[in-house]
Protein backbone atom coordinates (compact mmCIF):
# COMPACT_ATOMS: atom_id res chain seq x y z
CA MET A 1 129.97 239.42 129.53
CA LEU A 2 133.12 239.82 127.57
CA GLY A 3 133.98 237.08 125.14
CA LEU A 4 130.57 235.43 125.18
CA ARG A 5 127.87 235.46 122.56
CA GLY A 6 124.39 236.51 123.66
CA ARG A 7 123.10 232.98 123.96
CA ASP A 8 126.14 231.87 125.95
CA ALA A 9 125.80 234.86 128.28
CA ALA A 10 122.16 233.95 128.86
CA ARG A 11 123.19 230.39 129.72
CA VAL A 12 125.78 231.65 132.19
CA GLY A 13 123.17 233.95 133.75
CA LEU A 14 120.71 231.09 133.97
CA GLY A 15 123.33 228.90 135.61
CA GLU A 16 124.04 231.60 138.18
CA LEU A 17 120.44 232.51 138.97
CA LEU A 18 118.52 229.24 138.78
CA PRO A 19 120.08 226.95 141.44
CA PRO A 20 119.48 229.03 144.62
CA PRO A 21 115.70 229.47 144.18
CA LEU A 22 115.23 225.87 143.08
CA VAL A 23 117.23 224.50 146.02
CA SER A 24 115.36 226.71 148.48
CA ALA A 25 111.97 225.75 147.04
CA ALA A 26 112.85 222.05 147.11
CA GLY A 27 114.12 222.47 150.67
CA GLY A 28 110.84 224.09 151.65
CA VAL A 29 108.89 221.16 150.23
CA VAL A 30 111.13 218.71 152.10
CA VAL A 31 110.86 220.62 155.40
CA GLY A 32 107.08 220.85 155.00
CA SER A 33 106.81 217.13 154.31
CA VAL A 34 108.98 216.31 157.33
CA LEU A 35 106.87 218.55 159.56
CA VAL A 36 103.67 216.94 158.32
CA GLY A 37 105.16 213.50 158.96
CA GLY A 38 106.27 214.50 162.46
CA LEU A 39 102.96 216.08 163.40
CA ALA A 40 100.74 213.40 161.92
CA GLY A 41 101.01 211.28 165.09
CA PRO A 42 100.16 213.83 167.79
CA LEU A 43 97.54 215.52 165.63
CA ALA A 44 96.19 212.30 164.14
CA LEU A 45 92.80 212.42 162.50
CA ARG A 46 91.89 209.08 164.11
CA LEU A 47 92.00 210.78 167.53
CA VAL A 48 89.30 213.19 166.41
CA THR A 49 87.14 210.83 164.34
CA GLY A 50 87.63 207.60 166.30
CA GLN A 51 89.04 205.69 163.33
CA VAL A 52 91.12 202.58 163.94
CA ALA A 53 94.08 203.54 161.68
CA ASP A 54 95.76 206.77 160.69
CA PRO A 55 95.04 207.96 157.17
CA ALA A 56 98.09 208.06 154.90
CA VAL A 57 99.80 211.41 154.31
CA VAL A 58 99.29 212.34 150.68
CA LEU A 59 101.41 214.98 148.97
CA PRO A 60 99.19 216.66 146.36
CA PRO A 61 100.82 217.28 142.98
CA TRP A 62 100.16 221.05 143.12
CA VAL A 63 102.75 221.32 145.91
CA LEU A 64 105.45 221.17 143.23
CA LEU A 65 103.89 224.14 141.41
CA PRO A 66 106.10 226.72 143.20
CA LEU A 67 109.18 225.00 141.76
CA GLY A 68 107.85 225.51 138.25
CA VAL A 69 106.83 229.09 138.97
CA LEU A 70 110.29 229.89 140.35
CA ALA A 71 112.02 228.29 137.38
CA ALA A 72 109.82 230.23 134.95
CA THR A 73 110.45 233.49 136.84
CA VAL A 74 114.21 232.99 136.72
CA LEU A 75 114.03 232.22 133.00
CA VAL A 76 112.07 235.43 132.37
CA VAL A 77 114.56 237.47 134.43
CA VAL A 78 117.49 236.00 132.50
CA VAL A 79 115.88 236.75 129.14
CA VAL A 80 114.94 240.31 130.12
CA GLU A 81 118.35 241.10 131.62
CA SER A 82 120.13 239.57 128.65
CA SER A 83 118.16 241.67 126.18
CA ALA A 84 118.57 244.81 128.29
CA ARG A 85 122.35 244.41 128.49
CA ARG A 86 122.60 243.70 124.77
CA ARG A 87 121.39 247.23 124.00
CA GLU A 88 124.06 248.95 126.10
CA ARG A 89 127.32 249.91 124.52
CA LEU A 90 130.42 248.21 125.88
CA GLY A 91 131.94 251.57 126.84
CA GLN A 92 128.94 252.34 129.04
CA VAL A 93 129.06 248.96 130.73
CA LEU A 94 132.78 249.23 131.50
CA ARG A 95 132.74 252.91 132.53
CA VAL A 96 133.50 253.47 136.21
CA ARG A 97 132.17 256.62 137.81
């Protein structure tokens, strides 16, 4: 990117690439939690086991793992793309065929 140092260009790339995957992953977790909450009544474990009360819905901590994996993937892509573009000459980047 013209006028930016390498580190600043990487920050701009990170700012452009990181929000969409994180928002979609967080949305997936929210939609999954809402579906579990909505289906817990009709598919209640107490109906199968004969318990008096429904067990509480527990969100395991590993469910948030995809958010971390996506963030790490985006960081790796930004670093690789930033280093790949640094090696190209400005004339090659701006040349239109």
